[in-house]
Amino acid sequence: APDDSSAQELQSIRSLKHQSRGPDVVDVGPAFALNGAQEGLFRPYKVATWDSIPASMKDAGGLWYGDYFGLVSFGINRSVSKAVPHDWADLKKPEFKGMIALNGSPLGAGAAFAAVVAAALANGGSLDNIMPGIEFFADLAKRGNFNPSAATAASLVSGQTPVVINWDYLNLAQAKKAKGMTPIDTVIPEGATPYGAFYCQAISKFAPHPKAAELWQEFIYSDEGQLLYLKGFAHPARFSAMAKAGAIPKSLMAELPPAKPYGEAVFANNAQTKKAQQLLTENWTKLVKA
């Protein structure tokens, strides 16, 4: 089902195997893709455009493959914030007092977790050590710039949380929605390695319609299928290869941030994610006092 979580999607493969209503394909987070592969829930398949999917976004044997990704970005309500932060250091400036928010606590919200990792990469940390990211937000809170409210699309537009650190596709979609009412800028922070996260496609080992599943994957990974993600502001897995080949319409590129950071994005692996979650559990509430 389209609204299922990754855990529910894997469960539907297990509980509906050998049934005609079992899923043919799933769309899950990388940790769940790894678990599903280890458990033997998927069958390998390599689409015709396989070589242009980045190696960091696929299982070498074809059991799962990333379909789209997002980068951590700043969404800025220009009606409220006259200044635009271009890098992480800018967020410390006094003109952003009480303005900067996440979409929830990084202990539970994926985009907020990603914001801390991205801040770590910009402040001497790494995917293996996100402590500098936690310290960065502790510093923002000390300066009074960090707003502890859980940001939503509505709070960005209303100006209650004028600077929101969130996935680029969410900030970009919000900017398009609010066009003509509230000007919203989306910025991929400069001067740091861009941090991203992706989702993965996989074909169920017990797919009731295996050939239909293969055709679906061929469509998703064709230029046409990949452009559909881009129209919703999510960058498709094959974005860099397609941009190089001139396969993305200029009108679409004009609505997006510059292409360069999308070719430089890094993703945390399962072990790094677990380690980061542990550090957050131990230190976030202790250090970040807004």
Protein backbone atom coordinates (compact mmCIF):
# COMPACT_ATOMS: atom_id res chain seq x y z
CA ALA A 1 0.00 0.00 0.00
CA PRO A 2 1.35 3.47 -0.89
CA ASP A 3 1.09 4.78 2.69
CA ASP A 4 2.73 1.80 4.40
CA SER A 5 5.96 2.27 6.32
CA SER A 6 9.07 0.35 5.23
CA ALA A 7 8.52 -2.15 8.07
CA GLN A 8 4.90 -2.73 6.98
CA GLU A 9 5.96 -3.26 3.37
CA LEU A 10 8.42 -6.01 4.35
CA GLN A 11 5.79 -7.55 6.62
CA SER A 12 3.35 -7.71 3.69
CA ILE A 13 5.91 -9.76 1.70
CA ARG A 14 6.21 -12.19 4.64
CA SER A 15 2.52 -12.50 5.47
CA LEU A 16 1.15 -12.55 1.90
CA LYS A 17 3.75 -14.78 0.24
CA HIS A 18 2.31 -17.16 -2.36
CA GLN A 19 -0.94 -15.12 -2.33
CA SER A 20 -2.17 -13.26 -5.41
CA ARG A 21 -2.59 -10.05 -3.37
CA GLY A 22 1.02 -10.08 -2.17
CA PRO A 23 3.18 -7.11 -3.24
CA ASP A 24 5.17 -7.30 -6.47
CA VAL A 25 7.56 -4.50 -5.50
CA VAL A 26 8.39 -2.45 -2.42
CA ASP A 27 9.81 1.04 -1.85
CA VAL A 28 11.75 1.05 1.45
CA GLY A 29 14.53 2.86 3.32
CA PRO A 30 18.10 1.49 2.95
CA ALA A 31 18.19 -0.17 6.39
CA PHE A 32 15.03 -2.12 5.48
CA ALA A 33 16.40 -2.92 2.02
CA LEU A 34 19.47 -4.47 3.66
CA ASN A 35 17.31 -6.43 6.11
CA GLY A 36 15.01 -7.66 3.34
CA ALA A 37 17.97 -8.79 1.24
CA GLN A 38 19.56 -10.63 4.18
CA GLU A 39 16.25 -12.31 4.97
CA GLY A 40 15.83 -13.51 1.38
CA LEU A 41 12.66 -11.50 0.68
CA PHE A 42 13.83 -10.07 -2.67
CA ARG A 43 14.83 -11.44 -6.02
CA PRO A 44 17.59 -9.80 -8.06
CA TYR A 45 16.87 -7.73 -11.13
CA LYS A 46 19.03 -5.22 -13.01
CA VAL A 47 17.28 -2.64 -15.18
CA ALA A 48 18.65 -1.60 -18.58
CA THR A 49 19.95 1.67 -17.08
CA TRP A 50 21.65 -0.13 -14.14
CA ASP A 51 25.12 1.31 -14.80
CA SER A 52 23.94 4.90 -14.32
CA ILE A 53 22.60 4.23 -10.79
CA PRO A 54 25.41 5.28 -8.38
CA ALA A 55 27.19 2.34 -6.72
CA SER A 56 26.44 3.79 -3.26
CA MET A 57 22.72 3.54 -4.01
CA LYS A 58 22.40 -0.10 -5.02
CA ASP A 59 23.13 -3.69 -4.03
CA ALA A 60 25.86 -5.00 -6.32
CA GLY A 61 23.87 -8.18 -6.92
CA GLY A 62 20.68 -6.34 -7.93
CA LEU A 63 18.55 -7.20 -4.89
CA TRP A 64 17.67 -3.51 -4.25
CA TYR A 65 18.39 -0.16 -5.91
CA GLY A 66 17.83 3.47 -4.92
CA ASP A 67 15.07 5.26 -6.83
CA TYR A 68 15.22 8.82 -5.48
CA PHE A 69 17.04 10.92 -2.90
CA GLY A 70 16.89 14.24 -1.12
CA LEU A 71 19.47 16.59 0.37
CA VAL A 72 19.37 18.56 3.60
CA SER A 73 18.40 22.16 2.78
CA PHE A 74 17.39 25.44 4.37
CA GLY A 75 13.87 26.70 3.63
CA ILE A 76 13.62 30.46 4.28
CA ASN A 77 10.44 32.52 4.55
CA ARG A 78 11.61 35.78 2.94
CA SER A 79 8.66 37.79 4.25
CA VAL A 80 9.97 37.28 7.79
CA SER A 81 13.71 36.72 7.30
CA LYS A 82 15.33 39.45 5.21
CA ALA A 83 18.68 37.62 5.44
CA VAL A 84 19.37 34.33 3.62
CA PRO A 85 21.79 31.83 5.21
CA HIS A 86 24.10 30.32 2.57
CA ASP A 87 26.13 28.02 4.81
CA TRP A 88 25.92 26.46 8.27
CA ALA A 89 28.04 29.20 9.90
CA ASP A 90 25.49 31.82 8.74
CA LEU A 91 22.86 30.23 11.00
CA LYS A 92 24.82 31.50 14.03
CA LYS A 93 24.28 35.15 13.05
CA PRO A 94 22.13 37.28 15.39
CA GLU A 95 19.62 38.09 12.61
CA PHE A 96 18.33 34.50 12.87
CA LYS A 97 17.43 34.74 16.57
CA GLY A 98 14.57 32.36 17.39
CA MET A 99 14.05 31.48 13.73
CA ILE A 100 15.76 28.14 13.04
CA ALA A 101 13.70 24.97 13.43
CA LEU A 102 13.74 21.25 12.62
CA ASN A 103 10.72 19.10 11.68
CA GLY A 104 10.78 17.49 15.14
CA SER A 105 13.33 15.88 17.43
CA PRO A 106 16.26 14.14 15.70
CA LEU A 107 15.60 11.25 18.10
CA GLY A 108 12.51 10.39 16.05
CA ALA A 109 12.20 12.54 12.91
CA GLY A 110 14.24 11.47 9.87
CA ALA A 111 14.78 14.95 8.41
CA ALA A 112 15.85 16.34 11.81
CA PHE A 113 18.30 13.43 12.23
CA ALA A 114 19.70 14.23 8.77
CA ALA A 115 20.09 17.92 9.73
CA VAL A 116 22.35 16.96 12.65
CA VAL A 117 24.47 14.68 10.42
CA ALA A 118 24.75 17.42 7.77
CA ALA A 119 25.78 19.97 10.43
CA ALA A 120 28.45 17.52 11.64
CA LEU A 121 29.89 17.20 8.10
CA ALA A 122 30.11 21.01 7.94
CA ASN A 123 31.84 21.34 11.31
CA GLY A 124 34.71 18.87 11.29
CA GLY A 125 32.66 15.74 11.95
CA SER A 126 32.03 12.75 9.71
CA LEU A 127 29.48 10.05 9.01
CA ASP A 128 31.27 8.09 11.76
CA ASN A 129 31.23 10.97 14.25
CA ILE A 130 28.23 13.29 14.37
CA MET A 131 29.15 14.83 17.75
CA PRO A 132 30.15 18.16 16.09
CA GLY A 133 26.59 18.30 14.67
CA ILE A 134 25.03 17.93 18.12
CA GLU A 135 27.45 20.57 19.44
CA PHE A 136 26.50 22.88 16.57
CA PHE A 137 22.81 22.77 17.56
CA ALA A 138 23.75 23.17 21.24
CA ASP A 139 25.56 26.35 20.21
CA LEU A 140 22.57 27.56 18.14
CA ALA A 141 20.33 26.99 21.19
CA LYS A 142 22.77 28.87 23.46
CA ARG A 143 22.71 31.84 21.06
CA GLY A 144 18.91 31.79 21.08
CA ASN A 145 18.74 31.05 17.33
CA PHE A 146 17.29 27.55 17.66
CA ASN A 147 13.51 27.40 17.82
CA PRO A 148 12.43 24.14 19.56
CA SER A 149 9.00 24.10 17.83
CA ALA A 150 8.49 21.16 15.46
CA ALA A 151 8.34 22.87 12.07
CA THR A 152 5.61 22.08 9.56
CA ALA A 153 4.81 23.35 6.08
CA ALA A 154 2.24 25.67 7.71
CA SER A 155 4.71 27.09 10.26
CA LEU A 156 7.24 27.87 7.49
CA VAL A 157 4.60 29.71 5.44
CA SER A 158 3.06 31.54 8.42
CA GLY A 159 6.51 32.62 9.59
CA GLN A 160 6.23 30.92 13.00
CA THR A 161 9.41 29.01 12.01
CA PRO A 162 10.92 31.22 9.29
CA VAL A 163 14.05 29.08 8.69
CA VAL A 164 13.42 25.32 8.46
CA ILE A 165 16.14 22.71 7.94
CA ASN A 166 14.40 19.97 5.97
CA TRP A 167 14.64 17.78 2.87
CA ASP A 168 15.06 19.86 -0.28
CA TYR A 169 12.03 18.29 -2.00
CA LEU A 170 9.77 19.32 0.91
CA ASN A 171 11.08 22.91 1.03
CA LEU A 172 10.91 23.22 -2.78
CA ALA A 173 7.36 21.84 -2.93
CA GLN A 174 6.32 24.25 -0.19
CA ALA A 175 7.87 27.18 -2.07
CA LYS A 176 5.88 26.24 -5.19
CA LYS A 177 2.66 25.88 -3.19
CA ALA A 178 3.10 29.27 -1.48
CA LYS A 179 4.06 31.08 -4.70
CA GLY A 180 2.26 34.40 -4.99
CA MET A 181 1.53 34.43 -1.24
CA THR A 182 4.81 33.93 0.59
CA PRO A 183 8.27 33.96 -1.03
CA ILE A 184 10.27 30.92 0.15
CA ASP A 185 13.89 30.30 -0.82
CA THR A 186 15.48 26.85 -0.76
CA VAL A 187 19.24 26.74 -0.18
CA ILE A 188 21.59 23.75 -0.26
CA PRO A 189 24.25 24.87 2.25
CA GLU A 190 27.60 25.77 0.64
CA GLY A 191 31.09 24.87 1.79
CA ALA A 192 30.25 21.42 3.15
CA THR A 193 29.73 17.90 1.85
CA PRO A 194 25.99 17.63 1.05
CA TYR A 195 24.21 14.96 3.09
CA GLY A 196 21.35 12.98 1.61
CA ALA A 197 19.07 10.02 2.11
CA PHE A 198 17.37 7.77 -0.40
CA TYR A 199 14.65 5.17 -0.83
CA CYS A 200 15.04 1.82 -2.55
CA GLN A 201 13.01 -0.34 -4.91
CA ALA A 202 13.09 -4.13 -4.72
CA ILE A 203 11.10 -6.96 -6.32
CA SER A 204 9.54 -9.43 -3.91
CA LYS A 205 10.91 -12.96 -4.18
CA PHE A 206 7.27 -14.08 -4.07
CA ALA A 207 5.92 -11.46 -6.54
CA PRO A 208 2.61 -12.75 -7.95
CA HIS A 209 3.35 -10.85 -11.20
CA PRO A 210 7.15 -10.98 -11.62
CA LYS A 211 7.19 -9.83 -15.26
CA ALA A 212 4.93 -6.87 -14.45
CA ALA A 213 7.32 -6.04 -11.59
CA GLU A 214 10.26 -6.02 -14.01
CA LEU A 215 8.39 -3.78 -16.46
CA TRP A 216 7.55 -1.40 -13.60
CA GLN A 217 11.24 -1.14 -12.64
CA GLU A 218 12.22 -0.55 -16.26
CA PHE A 219 9.71 2.33 -16.38
CA ILE A 220 10.83 3.88 -13.05
CA TYR A 221 14.49 3.82 -14.11
CA SER A 222 13.88 5.04 -17.67
CA ASP A 223 14.48 8.76 -18.32
CA GLU A 224 10.71 9.25 -18.41
CA GLY A 225 10.15 7.57 -15.04
CA GLN A 226 13.06 9.35 -13.37
CA LEU A 227 11.77 12.74 -14.56
CA LEU A 228 8.49 12.12 -12.72
CA TYR A 229 10.40 12.14 -9.41
CA LEU A 230 12.10 15.38 -10.42
CA LYS A 231 8.74 17.02 -11.16
CA GLY A 232 7.92 16.39 -7.50
CA PHE A 233 11.34 17.90 -6.55
CA ALA A 234 12.85 14.58 -5.43
CA HIS A 235 16.11 13.91 -7.26
CA PRO A 236 16.06 10.56 -9.08
CA ALA A 237 18.89 8.07 -8.61
CA ARG A 238 20.11 8.65 -12.18
CA PHE A 239 20.08 12.46 -11.88
CA SER A 240 23.81 13.08 -12.43
CA ALA A 241 24.02 10.81 -15.48
CA MET A 242 20.87 12.34 -16.96
CA ALA A 243 22.06 15.91 -16.31
CA LYS A 244 25.38 15.11 -18.04
CA ALA A 245 23.53 13.63 -21.01
CA GLY A 246 21.26 16.69 -21.31
CA ALA A 247 18.19 14.50 -20.67
CA ILE A 248 16.58 16.93 -18.20
CA PRO A 249 14.42 19.71 -19.69
CA LYS A 250 15.80 23.22 -19.07
CA SER A 251 12.44 24.37 -17.69
CA LEU A 252 12.64 21.67 -14.99
CA MET A 253 16.28 22.44 -14.14
CA ALA A 254 15.32 26.11 -13.67
CA GLU A 255 13.00 25.17 -10.78
CA LEU A 256 15.77 23.30 -8.94
CA PRO A 257 18.82 24.30 -6.89
CA PRO A 258 22.20 24.10 -8.74
CA ALA A 259 23.00 20.54 -9.88
CA LYS A 260 26.58 20.34 -8.50
CA PRO A 261 25.83 19.32 -4.87
CA TYR A 262 23.61 16.47 -6.07
CA GLY A 263 26.61 14.78 -7.66
CA GLU A 264 28.60 15.15 -4.42
CA ALA A 265 26.00 13.84 -1.95
CA VAL A 266 27.05 11.28 0.66
CA PHE A 267 24.79 8.78 2.42
CA ALA A 268 25.26 7.06 5.79
CA ASN A 269 25.37 3.28 5.81
CA ASN A 270 23.49 1.12 8.33
CA ALA A 271 26.32 0.92 10.88
CA GLN A 272 26.94 4.69 10.71
CA THR A 273 23.23 5.43 11.17
CA LYS A 274 23.03 3.19 14.26
CA LYS A 275 26.13 4.81 15.75
CA ALA A 276 24.72 8.30 15.09
CA GLN A 277 21.38 7.39 16.68
CA GLN A 278 23.22 6.14 19.76
CA LEU A 279 25.18 9.42 20.09
CA LEU A 280 21.96 11.41 19.71
CA THR A 281 20.15 9.36 22.36
CA GLU A 282 23.03 9.92 24.80
CA ASN A 283 23.66 13.63 24.12
CA TRP A 284 20.84 15.55 22.39
CA THR A 285 18.55 16.36 25.33
CA LYS A 286 21.56 16.82 27.63
CA LEU A 287 23.30 19.39 25.38
CA VAL A 288 20.64 21.09 23.26
CA LYS A 289 18.65 23.27 25.64
CA ALA A 290 16.45 25.70 23.72
